[in-house]
Amino acid sequence: MSKRLSLAVLALSALVSWGCILLFTRFVPPTAPAALPFVFLFLFVAFMSTGTLVIFVSGRRLLAHYGYGLRLRSALYQSILVSFVLLLNLLLLALYSWSIVNGLLLLAGGVIFEVLWLARK
């Protein structure tokens, strides 16, 4: 799969997933307990695909000056990690157990995971 096709698929999946979130929140009542996992699934796909596009495009523009080319795979990995941290924060918020300390601990865990992943390479 070429890079241009991969970016087009990511852009299409971002649009479709944000559209699914809009339609799902419009037509499904928020009190339905079975609706919560679907909302989080749609949010994860939306955050991941949008984040990959943003990280890839901004990384290519900012890091091209230094001679470092950002690959699509690393942008996808970084957006999955950020999406996972955001989703865990939203899950804690939905369970009424979120605090700023929990948010900072999840962010620190994501940073430590990223550093360990980079150290492995």
PDB file of N, CA and C in Angstrom:
ATOM      1  N   MET A   1       0.849  -1.170   0.000  1.00  0.00           N
ATOM      2  CA  MET A   1       0.000   0.000   0.000  1.00  0.00           C
ATOM      3  C   MET A   1       0.898   1.237   0.000  1.00  0.00           C
ATOM      4  N   SER A   2       0.632   2.157  -0.905  1.00  0.00           N
ATOM      5  CA  SER A   2       1.467   3.348  -0.996  1.00  0.00           C
ATOM      6  C   SER A   2       1.138   4.322   0.131  1.00  0.00           C
ATOM      7  N   LYS A   3       2.043   5.269   0.315  1.00  0.00           N
ATOM      8  CA  LYS A   3       1.861   6.237   1.391  1.00  0.00           C
ATOM      9  C   LYS A   3       0.653   7.135   1.125  1.00  0.00           C
ATOM     10  N   ARG A   4       0.466   7.506  -0.131  1.00  0.00           N
ATOM     11  CA  ARG A   4      -0.666   8.369  -0.478  1.00  0.00           C
ATOM     12  C   ARG A   4      -1.994   7.653  -0.243  1.00  0.00           C
ATOM     13  N   LEU A   5      -2.053   6.383  -0.592  1.00  0.00           N
ATOM     14  CA  LEU A   5      -3.272   5.609  -0.369  1.00  0.00           C
ATOM     15  C   LEU A   5      -3.531   5.417   1.123  1.00  0.00           C
ATOM     16  N   SER A   6      -2.466   5.187   1.885  1.00  0.00           N
ATOM     17  CA  SER A   6      -2.620   5.037   3.337  1.00  0.00           C
ATOM     18  C   SER A   6      -3.148   6.319   3.971  1.00  0.00           C
ATOM     19  N   LEU A   7      -2.636   7.455   3.531  1.00  0.00           N
ATOM     20  CA  LEU A   7      -3.123   8.733   4.059  1.00  0.00           C
ATOM     21  C   LEU A   7      -4.575   8.983   3.667  1.00  0.00           C
ATOM     22  N   ALA A   8      -4.946   8.589   2.452  1.00  0.00           N
ATOM     23  CA  ALA A   8      -6.336   8.752   2.024  1.00  0.00           C
ATOM     24  C   ALA A   8      -7.270   7.856   2.839  1.00  0.00           C
ATOM     25  N   VAL A   9      -6.839   6.632   3.110  1.00  0.00           N
ATOM     26  CA  VAL A   9      -7.650   5.721   3.928  1.00  0.00           C
ATOM     27  C   VAL A   9      -7.785   6.263   5.347  1.00  0.00           C
ATOM     28  N   LEU A  10      -6.697   6.815   5.898  1.00  0.00           N
ATOM     29  CA  LEU A  10      -6.763   7.404   7.236  1.00  0.00           C
ATOM     30  C   LEU A  10      -7.704   8.606   7.274  1.00  0.00           C
ATOM     31  N   ALA A  11      -7.640   9.454   6.248  1.00  0.00           N
ATOM     32  CA  ALA A  11      -8.530  10.614   6.203  1.00  0.00           C
ATOM     33  C   ALA A  11      -9.987  10.177   6.086  1.00  0.00           C
ATOM     34  N   LEU A  12     -10.238   9.170   5.269  1.00  0.00           N
ATOM     35  CA  LEU A  12     -11.604   8.667   5.124  1.00  0.00           C
ATOM     36  C   LEU A  12     -12.099   8.030   6.417  1.00  0.00           C
ATOM     37  N   SER A  13     -11.241   7.272   7.083  1.00  0.00           N
ATOM     38  CA  SER A  13     -11.666   6.659   8.344  1.00  0.00           C
ATOM     39  C   SER A  13     -11.882   7.713   9.429  1.00  0.00           C
ATOM     40  N   ALA A  14     -11.113   8.796   9.399  1.00  0.00           N
ATOM     41  CA  ALA A  14     -11.337   9.880  10.360  1.00  0.00           C
ATOM     42  C   ALA A  14     -12.702  10.521  10.134  1.00  0.00           C
ATOM     43  N   LEU A  15     -13.019  10.810   8.883  1.00  0.00           N
ATOM     44  CA  LEU A  15     -14.322  11.418   8.587  1.00  0.00           C
ATOM     45  C   LEU A  15     -15.476  10.484   8.947  1.00  0.00           C
ATOM     46  N   VAL A  16     -15.344   9.221   8.606  1.00  0.00           N
ATOM     47  CA  VAL A  16     -16.414   8.259   8.896  1.00  0.00           C
ATOM     48  C   VAL A  16     -16.585   8.067  10.397  1.00  0.00           C
ATOM     49  N   SER A  17     -15.483   7.978  11.126  1.00  0.00           N
ATOM     50  CA  SER A  17     -15.604   7.754  12.571  1.00  0.00           C
ATOM     51  C   SER A  17     -16.172   8.976  13.288  1.00  0.00           C
ATOM     52  N   TRP A  18     -15.775  10.191  12.886  1.00  0.00           N
ATOM     53  CA  TRP A  18     -16.384  11.377  13.502  1.00  0.00           C
ATOM     54  C   TRP A  18     -17.860  11.475  13.128  1.00  0.00           C
ATOM     55  N   GLY A  19     -18.214  11.073  11.903  1.00  0.00           N
ATOM     56  CA  GLY A  19     -19.625  11.034  11.525  1.00  0.00           C
ATOM     57  C   GLY A  19     -20.406  10.006  12.323  1.00  0.00           C
ATOM     58  N   CYS A  20     -19.791   8.851  12.588  1.00  0.00           N
ATOM     59  CA  CYS A  20     -20.440   7.832  13.424  1.00  0.00           C
ATOM     60  C   CYS A  20     -20.678   8.348  14.834  1.00  0.00           C
ATOM     61  N   ILE A  21     -19.715   9.078  15.370  1.00  0.00           N
ATOM     62  CA  ILE A  21     -19.888   9.638  16.712  1.00  0.00           C
ATOM     63  C   ILE A  21     -21.039  10.632  16.725  1.00  0.00           C
ATOM     64  N   LEU A  22     -21.095  11.491  15.710  1.00  0.00           N
ATOM     65  CA  LEU A  22     -22.186  12.469  15.654  1.00  0.00           C
ATOM     66  C   LEU A  22     -23.548  11.790  15.542  1.00  0.00           C
ATOM     67  N   LEU A  23     -23.667  10.826  14.641  1.00  0.00           N
ATOM     68  CA  LEU A  23     -24.947  10.138  14.471  1.00  0.00           C
ATOM     69  C   LEU A  23     -25.311   9.293  15.684  1.00  0.00           C
ATOM     70  N   PHE A  24     -24.328   8.642  16.270  1.00  0.00           N
ATOM     71  CA  PHE A  24     -24.589   7.779  17.420  1.00  0.00           C
ATOM     72  C   PHE A  24     -25.042   8.598  18.621  1.00  0.00           C
ATOM     73  N   THR A  25     -24.389   9.727  18.861  1.00  0.00           N
ATOM     74  CA  THR A  25     -24.802  10.554  19.999  1.00  0.00           C
ATOM     75  C   THR A  25     -26.120  11.270  19.727  1.00  0.00           C
ATOM     76  N   ARG A  26     -26.485  11.427  18.476  1.00  0.00           N
ATOM     77  CA  ARG A  26     -27.758  12.077  18.156  1.00  0.00           C
ATOM     78  C   ARG A  26     -28.941  11.127  18.329  1.00  0.00           C
ATOM     79  N   PHE A  27     -28.782   9.871  17.933  1.00  0.00           N
ATOM     80  CA  PHE A  27     -29.921   8.962  17.888  1.00  0.00           C
ATOM     81  C   PHE A  27     -29.976   7.935  19.018  1.00  0.00           C
ATOM     82  N   VAL A  28     -28.913   7.759  19.766  1.00  0.00           N
ATOM     83  CA  VAL A  28     -28.910   6.787  20.862  1.00  0.00           C
ATOM     84  C   VAL A  28     -28.901   7.553  22.175  1.00  0.00           C
ATOM     85  N   PRO A  29     -29.821   7.231  23.082  1.00  0.00           N
ATOM     86  CA  PRO A  29     -29.845   7.959  24.361  1.00  0.00           C
ATOM     87  C   PRO A  29     -28.593   7.662  25.185  1.00  0.00           C
ATOM     88  N   PRO A  30     -28.071   8.669  25.877  1.00  0.00           N
ATOM     89  CA  PRO A  30     -26.835   8.458  26.639  1.00  0.00           C
ATOM     90  C   PRO A  30     -27.022   7.614  27.889  1.00  0.00           C
ATOM     91  N   THR A  31     -28.264   7.330  28.252  1.00  0.00           N
ATOM     92  CA  THR A  31     -28.501   6.528  29.452  1.00  0.00           C
ATOM     93  C   THR A  31     -28.406   5.032  29.185  1.00  0.00           C
ATOM     94  N   ALA A  32     -28.311   4.641  27.928  1.00  0.00           N
ATOM     95  CA  ALA A  32     -28.208   3.215  27.595  1.00  0.00           C
ATOM     96  C   ALA A  32     -26.822   2.703  27.996  1.00  0.00           C
ATOM     97  N   PRO A  33     -26.774   1.677  28.854  1.00  0.00           N
ATOM     98  CA  PRO A  33     -25.454   1.199  29.306  1.00  0.00           C
ATOM     99  C   PRO A  33     -24.650   0.513  28.205  1.00  0.00           C
ATOM    100  N   ALA A  34     -25.317  -0.048  27.227  1.00  0.00           N
ATOM    101  CA  ALA A  34     -24.595  -0.712  26.143  1.00  0.00           C
ATOM    102  C   ALA A  34     -24.016   0.283  25.143  1.00  0.00           C
ATOM    103  N   ALA A  35     -24.408   1.540  25.245  1.00  0.00           N
ATOM    104  CA  ALA A  35     -23.926   2.541  24.300  1.00  0.00           C
ATOM    105  C   ALA A  35     -22.514   3.009  24.618  1.00  0.00           C
ATOM    106  N   LEU A  36     -22.110   2.918  25.865  1.00  0.00           N
ATOM    107  CA  LEU A  36     -20.812   3.445  26.284  1.00  0.00           C
ATOM    108  C   LEU A  36     -19.623   2.764  25.593  1.00  0.00           C
ATOM    109  N   PRO A  37     -19.578   1.438  25.468  1.00  0.00           N
ATOM    110  CA  PRO A  37     -18.433   0.837  24.756  1.00  0.00           C
ATOM    111  C   PRO A  37     -18.353   1.244  23.287  1.00  0.00           C
ATOM    112  N   PHE A  38     -19.507   1.419  22.646  1.00  0.00           N
ATOM    113  CA  PHE A  38     -19.488   1.826  21.249  1.00  0.00           C
ATOM    114  C   PHE A  38     -18.988   3.259  21.094  1.00  0.00           C
ATOM    115  N   VAL A  39     -19.373   4.118  22.008  1.00  0.00           N
ATOM    116  CA  VAL A  39     -18.882   5.497  21.963  1.00  0.00           C
ATOM    117  C   VAL A  39     -17.375   5.518  22.136  1.00  0.00           C
ATOM    118  N   PHE A  40     -16.858   4.724  23.064  1.00  0.00           N
ATOM    119  CA  PHE A  40     -15.415   4.684  23.271  1.00  0.00           C
ATOM    120  C   PHE A  40     -14.689   4.057  22.077  1.00  0.00           C
ATOM    121  N   LEU A  41     -15.295   3.077  21.440  1.00  0.00           N
ATOM    122  CA  LEU A  41     -14.691   2.484  20.248  1.00  0.00           C
ATOM    123  C   LEU A  41     -14.631   3.501  19.111  1.00  0.00           C
ATOM    124  N   PHE A  42     -15.740   4.207  18.876  1.00  0.00           N
ATOM    125  CA  PHE A  42     -15.749   5.237  17.837  1.00  0.00           C
ATOM    126  C   PHE A  42     -14.760   6.354  18.155  1.00  0.00           C
ATOM    127  N   LEU A  43     -14.678   6.733  19.427  1.00  0.00           N
ATOM    128  CA  LEU A  43     -13.725   7.773  19.816  1.00  0.00           C
ATOM    129  C   LEU A  43     -12.284   7.321  19.609  1.00  0.00           C
ATOM    130  N   PHE A  44     -11.988   6.068  19.915  1.00  0.00           N
ATOM    131  CA  PHE A  44     -10.627   5.574  19.724  1.00  0.00           C
ATOM    132  C   PHE A  44     -10.233   5.611  18.253  1.00  0.00           C
ATOM    133  N   VAL A  45     -11.124   5.148  17.385  1.00  0.00           N
ATOM    134  CA  VAL A  45     -10.821   5.162  15.949  1.00  0.00           C
ATOM    135  C   VAL A  45     -10.691   6.597  15.446  1.00  0.00           C
ATOM    136  N   ALA A  46     -11.554   7.490  15.928  1.00  0.00           N
ATOM    137  CA  ALA A  46     -11.488   8.883  15.492  1.00  0.00           C
ATOM    138  C   ALA A  46     -10.207   9.554  15.975  1.00  0.00           C
ATOM    139  N   PHE A  47      -9.863   9.359  17.235  1.00  0.00           N
ATOM    140  CA  PHE A  47      -8.623   9.942  17.759  1.00  0.00           C
ATOM    141  C   PHE A  47      -7.401   9.372  17.047  1.00  0.00           C
ATOM    142  N   MET A  48      -7.420   8.064  16.808  1.00  0.00           N
ATOM    143  CA  MET A  48      -6.269   7.421  16.196  1.00  0.00           C
ATOM    144  C   MET A  48      -6.051   7.899  14.762  1.00  0.00           C
ATOM    145  N   SER A  49      -7.101   7.905  13.962  1.00  0.00           N
ATOM    146  CA  SER A  49      -6.932   8.280  12.558  1.00  0.00           C
ATOM    147  C   SER A  49      -6.645   9.773  12.403  1.00  0.00           C
ATOM    148  N   THR A  50      -7.326  10.604  13.180  1.00  0.00           N
ATOM    149  CA  THR A  50      -7.058  12.041  13.110  1.00  0.00           C
ATOM    150  C   THR A  50      -5.674  12.358  13.660  1.00  0.00           C
ATOM    151  N   GLY A  51      -5.315  11.718  14.756  1.00  0.00           N
ATOM    152  CA  GLY A  51      -4.002  11.949  15.349  1.00  0.00           C
ATOM    153  C   GLY A  51      -2.871  11.502  14.448  1.00  0.00           C
ATOM    154  N   THR A  52      -3.057  10.398  13.744  1.00  0.00           N
ATOM    155  CA  THR A  52      -2.019   9.933  12.828  1.00  0.00           C
ATOM    156  C   THR A  52      -1.789  10.942  11.721  1.00  0.00           C
ATOM    157  N   LEU A  53      -2.864  11.471  11.174  1.00  0.00           N
ATOM    158  CA  LEU A  53      -2.716  12.473  10.117  1.00  0.00           C
ATOM    159  C   LEU A  53      -2.021  13.728  10.627  1.00  0.00           C
ATOM    160  N   VAL A  54      -2.438  14.204  11.788  1.00  0.00           N
ATOM    161  CA  VAL A  54      -1.856  15.432  12.338  1.00  0.00           C
ATOM    162  C   VAL A  54      -0.385  15.226  12.687  1.00  0.00           C
ATOM    163  N   ILE A  55      -0.064  14.114  13.337  1.00  0.00           N
ATOM    164  CA  ILE A  55       1.325  13.848  13.729  1.00  0.00           C
ATOM    165  C   ILE A  55       2.201  13.644  12.498  1.00  0.00           C
ATOM    166  N   PHE A  56       1.701  12.937  11.502  1.00  0.00           N
ATOM    167  CA  PHE A  56       2.509  12.677  10.315  1.00  0.00           C
ATOM    168  C   PHE A  56       2.785  13.958   9.536  1.00  0.00           C
ATOM    169  N   VAL A  57       1.751  14.752   9.306  1.00  0.00           N
ATOM    170  CA  VAL A  57       1.934  15.977   8.519  1.00  0.00           C
ATOM    171  C   VAL A  57       2.794  16.986   9.271  1.00  0.00           C
ATOM    172  N   SER A  58       2.516  17.187  10.548  1.00  0.00           N
ATOM    173  CA  SER A  58       3.319  18.153  11.306  1.00  0.00           C
ATOM    174  C   SER A  58       4.744  17.643  11.507  1.00  0.00           C
ATOM    175  N   GLY A  59       4.913  16.350  11.700  1.00  0.00           N
ATOM    176  CA  GLY A  59       6.254  15.797  11.847  1.00  0.00           C
ATOM    177  C   GLY A  59       7.068  15.901  10.573  1.00  0.00           C
ATOM    178  N   ARG A  60       6.426  15.693   9.434  1.00  0.00           N
ATOM    179  CA  ARG A  60       7.146  15.834   8.164  1.00  0.00           C
ATOM    180  C   ARG A  60       7.582  17.274   7.939  1.00  0.00           C
ATOM    181  N   ARG A  61       6.719  18.222   8.312  1.00  0.00           N
ATOM    182  CA  ARG A  61       7.060  19.639   8.110  1.00  0.00           C
ATOM    183  C   ARG A  61       8.128  20.105   9.088  1.00  0.00           C
ATOM    184  N   LEU A  62       7.999  19.718  10.347  1.00  0.00           N
ATOM    185  CA  LEU A  62       8.921  20.214  11.363  1.00  0.00           C
ATOM    186  C   LEU A  62      10.261  19.492  11.344  1.00  0.00           C
ATOM    187  N   LEU A  63      10.252  18.199  11.095  1.00  0.00           N
ATOM    188  CA  LEU A  63      11.485  17.426  11.174  1.00  0.00           C
ATOM    189  C   LEU A  63      12.235  17.334   9.857  1.00  0.00           C
ATOM    190  N   ALA A  64      11.652  17.806   8.756  1.00  0.00           N
ATOM    191  CA  ALA A  64      12.347  17.776   7.473  1.00  0.00           C
ATOM    192  C   ALA A  64      13.532  18.736   7.479  1.00  0.00           C
ATOM    193  N   HIS A  65      13.445  19.776   8.262  1.00  0.00           N
ATOM    194  CA  HIS A  65      14.533  20.749   8.368  1.00  0.00           C
ATOM    195  C   HIS A  65      15.778  20.111   8.976  1.00  0.00           C
ATOM    196  N   TYR A  66      15.583  19.154   9.855  1.00  0.00           N
ATOM    197  CA  TYR A  66      16.700  18.494  10.523  1.00  0.00           C
ATOM    198  C   TYR A  66      17.173  17.243   9.788  1.00  0.00           C
ATOM    199  N   GLY A  67      16.560  16.921   8.683  1.00  0.00           N
ATOM    200  CA  GLY A  67      16.966  15.755   7.917  1.00  0.00           C
ATOM    201  C   GLY A  67      16.425  14.444   8.448  1.00  0.00           C
ATOM    202  N   TYR A  68      15.449  14.513   9.328  1.00  0.00           N
ATOM    203  CA  TYR A  68      14.850  13.306   9.898  1.00  0.00           C
ATOM    204  C   TYR A  68      13.466  13.144   9.308  1.00  0.00           C
ATOM    205  N   GLY A  69      13.239  12.043   8.620  1.00  0.00           N
ATOM    206  CA  GLY A  69      11.937  11.797   8.032  1.00  0.00           C
ATOM    207  C   GLY A  69      11.068  10.945   8.941  1.00  0.00           C
ATOM    208  N   LEU A  70       9.883  11.424   9.248  1.00  0.00           N
ATOM    209  CA  LEU A  70       8.961  10.676  10.098  1.00  0.00           C
ATOM    210  C   LEU A  70       8.229   9.653   9.240  1.00  0.00           C
ATOM    211  N   ARG A  71       8.217   8.413   9.686  1.00  0.00           N
ATOM    212  CA  ARG A  71       7.520   7.371   8.952  1.00  0.00           C
ATOM    213  C   ARG A  71       6.070   7.308   9.407  1.00  0.00           C
ATOM    214  N   LEU A  72       5.241   6.789   8.528  1.00  0.00           N
ATOM    215  CA  LEU A  72       3.817   6.670   8.834  1.00  0.00           C
ATOM    216  C   LEU A  72       3.583   5.679   9.969  1.00  0.00           C
ATOM    217  N   ARG A  73       4.401   4.652  10.048  1.00  0.00           N
ATOM    218  CA  ARG A  73       4.250   3.651  11.107  1.00  0.00           C
ATOM    219  C   ARG A  73       4.514   4.256  12.484  1.00  0.00           C
ATOM    220  N   SER A  74       5.536   5.092  12.603  1.00  0.00           N
ATOM    221  CA  SER A  74       5.816   5.709  13.903  1.00  0.00           C
ATOM    222  C   SER A  74       4.754   6.741  14.259  1.00  0.00           C
ATOM    223  N   ALA A  75       4.213   7.443  13.259  1.00  0.00           N
ATOM    224  CA  ALA A  75       3.119   8.374  13.530  1.00  0.00           C
ATOM    225  C   ALA A  75       1.877   7.621  13.992  1.00  0.00           C
ATOM    226  N   LEU A  76       1.619   6.464  13.398  1.00  0.00           N
ATOM    227  CA  LEU A  76       0.485   5.642  13.818  1.00  0.00           C
ATOM    228  C   LEU A  76       0.672   5.143  15.243  1.00  0.00           C
ATOM    229  N   TYR A  77       1.888   4.702  15.561  1.00  0.00           N
ATOM    230  CA  TYR A  77       2.164   4.232  16.918  1.00  0.00           C
ATOM    231  C   TYR A  77       1.968   5.349  17.940  1.00  0.00           C
ATOM    232  N   GLN A  78       2.482   6.537  17.644  1.00  0.00           N
ATOM    233  CA  GLN A  78       2.346   7.655  18.579  1.00  0.00           C
ATOM    234  C   GLN A  78       0.891   8.062  18.752  1.00  0.00           C
ATOM    235  N   SER A  79       0.129   8.047  17.671  1.00  0.00           N
ATOM    236  CA  SER A  79      -1.279   8.426  17.795  1.00  0.00           C
ATOM    237  C   SER A  79      -2.081   7.363  18.548  1.00  0.00           C
ATOM    238  N   ILE A  80      -1.723   6.093  18.406  1.00  0.00           N
ATOM    239  CA  ILE A  80      -2.394   5.050  19.186  1.00  0.00           C
ATOM    240  C   ILE A  80      -2.113   5.241  20.667  1.00  0.00           C
ATOM    241  N   LEU A  81      -0.877   5.574  21.007  1.00  0.00           N
ATOM    242  CA  LEU A  81      -0.522   5.793  22.406  1.00  0.00           C
ATOM    243  C   LEU A  81      -1.261   7.001  22.987  1.00  0.00           C
ATOM    244  N   VAL A  82      -1.307   8.094  22.241  1.00  0.00           N
ATOM    245  CA  VAL A  82      -2.016   9.289  22.715  1.00  0.00           C
ATOM    246  C   VAL A  82      -3.517   9.016  22.805  1.00  0.00           C
ATOM    247  N   SER A  83      -4.062   8.292  21.835  1.00  0.00           N
ATOM    248  CA  SER A  83      -5.487   7.953  21.867  1.00  0.00           C
ATOM    249  C   SER A  83      -5.823   7.077  23.060  1.00  0.00           C
ATOM    250  N   PHE A  84      -4.937   6.153  23.369  1.00  0.00           N
ATOM    251  CA  PHE A  84      -5.155   5.270  24.515  1.00  0.00           C
ATOM    252  C   PHE A  84      -5.147   6.063  25.821  1.00  0.00           C
ATOM    253  N   VAL A  85      -4.214   7.001  25.964  1.00  0.00           N
ATOM    254  CA  VAL A  85      -4.162   7.835  27.174  1.00  0.00           C
ATOM    255  C   VAL A  85      -5.413   8.710  27.272  1.00  0.00           C
ATOM    256  N   LEU A  86      -5.834   9.309  26.153  1.00  0.00           N
ATOM    257  CA  LEU A  86      -7.055  10.119  26.159  1.00  0.00           C
ATOM    258  C   LEU A  86      -8.279   9.281  26.506  1.00  0.00           C
ATOM    259  N   LEU A  87      -8.349   8.088  25.943  1.00  0.00           N
ATOM    260  CA  LEU A  87      -9.495   7.224  26.201  1.00  0.00           C
ATOM    261  C   LEU A  87      -9.548   6.760  27.648  1.00  0.00           C
ATOM    262  N   LEU A  88      -8.403   6.456  28.232  1.00  0.00           N
ATOM    263  CA  LEU A  88      -8.397   6.078  29.646  1.00  0.00           C
ATOM    264  C   LEU A  88      -8.833   7.242  30.527  1.00  0.00           C
ATOM    265  N   ASN A  89      -8.409   8.457  30.190  1.00  0.00           N
ATOM    266  CA  ASN A  89      -8.861   9.621  30.947  1.00  0.00           C
ATOM    267  C   ASN A  89     -10.371   9.816  30.808  1.00  0.00           C
ATOM    268  N   LEU A  90     -10.901   9.641  29.598  1.00  0.00           N
ATOM    269  CA  LEU A  90     -12.345   9.775  29.403  1.00  0.00           C
ATOM    270  C   LEU A  90     -13.120   8.667  30.111  1.00  0.00           C
ATOM    271  N   LEU A  91     -12.545   7.470  30.145  1.00  0.00           N
ATOM    272  CA  LEU A  91     -13.197   6.370  30.862  1.00  0.00           C
ATOM    273  C   LEU A  91     -13.250   6.653  32.353  1.00  0.00           C
ATOM    274  N   LEU A  92     -12.163   7.156  32.914  1.00  0.00           N
ATOM    275  CA  LEU A  92     -12.169   7.522  34.331  1.00  0.00           C
ATOM    276  C   LEU A  92     -13.152   8.656  34.597  1.00  0.00           C
ATOM    277  N   LEU A  93     -13.252   9.588  33.662  1.00  0.00           N
ATOM    278  CA  LEU A  93     -14.206  10.685  33.819  1.00  0.00           C
ATOM    279  C   LEU A  93     -15.642  10.173  33.768  1.00  0.00           C
ATOM    280  N   ALA A  94     -15.912   9.193  32.897  1.00  0.00           N
ATOM    281  CA  ALA A  94     -17.261   8.624  32.806  1.00  0.00           C
ATOM    282  C   ALA A  94     -17.617   7.820  34.049  1.00  0.00           C
ATOM    283  N   LEU A  95     -16.621   7.261  34.708  1.00  0.00           N
ATOM    284  CA  LEU A  95     -16.859   6.492  35.929  1.00  0.00           C
ATOM    285  C   LEU A  95     -16.828   7.365  37.183  1.00  0.00           C
ATOM    286  N   TYR A  96     -16.733   8.651  37.011  1.00  0.00           N
ATOM    287  CA  TYR A  96     -16.701   9.633  38.106  1.00  0.00           C
ATOM    288  C   TYR A  96     -15.543   9.385  39.067  1.00  0.00           C
ATOM    289  N   SER A  97     -14.417   8.931  38.556  1.00  0.00           N
ATOM    290  CA  SER A  97     -13.254   8.731  39.419  1.00  0.00           C
ATOM    291  C   SER A  97     -12.015   9.413  38.848  1.00  0.00           C
ATOM    292  N   TRP A  98     -12.227  10.437  38.017  1.00  0.00           N
ATOM    293  CA  TRP A  98     -11.101  11.140  37.424  1.00  0.00           C
ATOM    294  C   TRP A  98     -10.661  12.260  38.342  1.00  0.00           C
ATOM    295  N   SER A  99      -9.374  12.447  38.438  1.00  0.00           N
ATOM    296  CA  SER A  99      -8.805  13.601  39.118  1.00  0.00           C
ATOM    297  C   SER A  99      -7.578  14.032  38.338  1.00  0.00           C
ATOM    298  N   ILE A 100      -7.074  15.200  38.649  1.00  0.00           N
ATOM    299  CA  ILE A 100      -5.908  15.699  37.933  1.00  0.00           C
ATOM    300  C   ILE A 100      -4.695  14.809  38.181  1.00  0.00           C
ATOM    301  N   VAL A 101      -4.632  14.209  39.355  1.00  0.00           N
ATOM    302  CA  VAL A 101      -3.519  13.303  39.667  1.00  0.00           C
ATOM    303  C   VAL A 101      -3.587  12.065  38.769  1.00  0.00           C
ATOM    304  N   ASN A 102      -4.780  11.513  38.592  1.00  0.00           N
ATOM    305  CA  ASN A 102      -4.933  10.354  37.705  1.00  0.00           C
ATOM    306  C   ASN A 102      -4.558  10.710  36.271  1.00  0.00           C
ATOM    307  N   GLY A 103      -4.975  11.878  35.826  1.00  0.00           N
ATOM    308  CA  GLY A 103      -4.635  12.310  34.480  1.00  0.00           C
ATOM    309  C   GLY A 103      -3.139  12.472  34.290  1.00  0.00           C
ATOM    310  N   LEU A 104      -2.483  13.069  35.275  1.00  0.00           N
ATOM    311  CA  LEU A 104      -1.031  13.241  35.185  1.00  0.00           C
ATOM    312  C   LEU A 104      -0.297  11.906  35.268  1.00  0.00           C
ATOM    313  N   LEU A 105      -0.807  10.987  36.088  1.00  0.00           N
ATOM    314  CA  LEU A 105      -0.180   9.666  36.172  1.00  0.00           C
ATOM    315  C   LEU A 105      -0.322   8.890  34.862  1.00  0.00           C
ATOM    316  N   LEU A 106      -1.478   8.986  34.222  1.00  0.00           N
ATOM    317  CA  LEU A 106      -1.644   8.327  32.931  1.00  0.00           C
ATOM    318  C   LEU A 106      -0.742   8.950  31.872  1.00  0.00           C
ATOM    319  N   LEU A 107      -0.615  10.265  31.899  1.00  0.00           N
ATOM    320  CA  LEU A 107       0.273  10.944  30.961  1.00  0.00           C
ATOM    321  C   LEU A 107       1.724  10.541  31.205  1.00  0.00           C
ATOM    322  N   ALA A 108       2.129  10.478  32.466  1.00  0.00           N
ATOM    323  CA  ALA A 108       3.495  10.057  32.793  1.00  0.00           C
ATOM    324  C   ALA A 108       3.730   8.607  32.378  1.00  0.00           C
ATOM    325  N   GLY A 109       2.725   7.763  32.557  1.00  0.00           N
ATOM    326  CA  GLY A 109       2.850   6.377  32.108  1.00  0.00           C
ATOM    327  C   GLY A 109       3.024   6.283  30.599  1.00  0.00           C
ATOM    328  N   GLY A 110       2.294   7.106  29.858  1.00  0.00           N
ATOM    329  CA  GLY A 110       2.459   7.131  28.405  1.00  0.00           C
ATOM    330  C   GLY A 110       3.837   7.606  27.990  1.00  0.00           C
ATOM    331  N   VAL A 111       4.353   8.617  28.685  1.00  0.00           N
ATOM    332  CA  VAL A 111       5.697   9.120  28.376  1.00  0.00           C
ATOM    333  C   VAL A 111       6.749   8.066  28.699  1.00  0.00           C
ATOM    334  N   ILE A 112       6.615   7.403  29.835  1.00  0.00           N
ATOM    335  CA  ILE A 112       7.570   6.353  30.208  1.00  0.00           C
ATOM    336  C   ILE A 112       7.510   5.196  29.211  1.00  0.00           C
ATOM    337  N   PHE A 113       6.311   4.832  28.788  1.00  0.00           N
ATOM    338  CA  PHE A 113       6.170   3.766  27.798  1.00  0.00           C
ATOM    339  C   PHE A 113       6.842   4.158  26.486  1.00  0.00           C
ATOM    340  N   GLU A 114       6.684   5.409  26.073  1.00  0.00           N
ATOM    341  CA  GLU A 114       7.314   5.891  24.840  1.00  0.00           C
ATOM    342  C   GLU A 114       8.836   5.885  24.966  1.00  0.00           C
ATOM    343  N   VAL A 115       9.354   6.309  26.105  1.00  0.00           N
ATOM    344  CA  VAL A 115      10.808   6.319  26.311  1.00  0.00           C
ATOM    345  C   VAL A 115      11.357   4.895  26.306  1.00  0.00           C
ATOM    346  N   LEU A 116      10.658   3.982  26.958  1.00  0.00           N
ATOM    347  CA  LEU A 116      11.106   2.587  26.955  1.00  0.00           C
ATOM    348  C   LEU A 116      11.035   1.975  25.559  1.00  0.00           C
ATOM    349  N   TRP A 117      10.035   2.350  24.791  1.00  0.00           N
ATOM    350  CA  TRP A 117       9.908   1.849  23.429  1.00  0.00           C
ATOM    351  C   TRP A 117      11.050   2.375  22.562  1.00  0.00           C
ATOM    352  N   LEU A 118      11.396   3.656  22.734  1.00  0.00           N
ATOM    353  CA  LEU A 118      12.499   4.218  21.958  1.00  0.00           C
ATOM    354  C   LEU A 118      13.840   3.653  22.403  1.00  0.00           C
ATOM    355  N   ALA A 119      13.984   3.340  23.688  1.00  0.00           N
ATOM    356  CA  ALA A 119      15.240   2.780  24.182  1.00  0.00           C
ATOM    357  C   ALA A 119      15.440   1.352  23.685  1.00  0.00           C
ATOM    358  N   ARG A 120      14.349   0.676  23.383  1.00  0.00           N
ATOM    359  CA  ARG A 120      14.440  -0.697  22.892  1.00  0.00           C
ATOM    360  C   ARG A 120      15.017  -0.735  21.486  1.00  0.00           C
ATOM    361  N   LYS A 121      14.756   0.306  20.725  1.00  0.00           N
ATOM    362  CA  LYS A 121      15.243   0.350  19.340  1.00  0.00           C
ATOM    363  C   LYS A 121      16.677   0.632  19.328  1.00  0.00           C
TER     364      LYS A 121
END
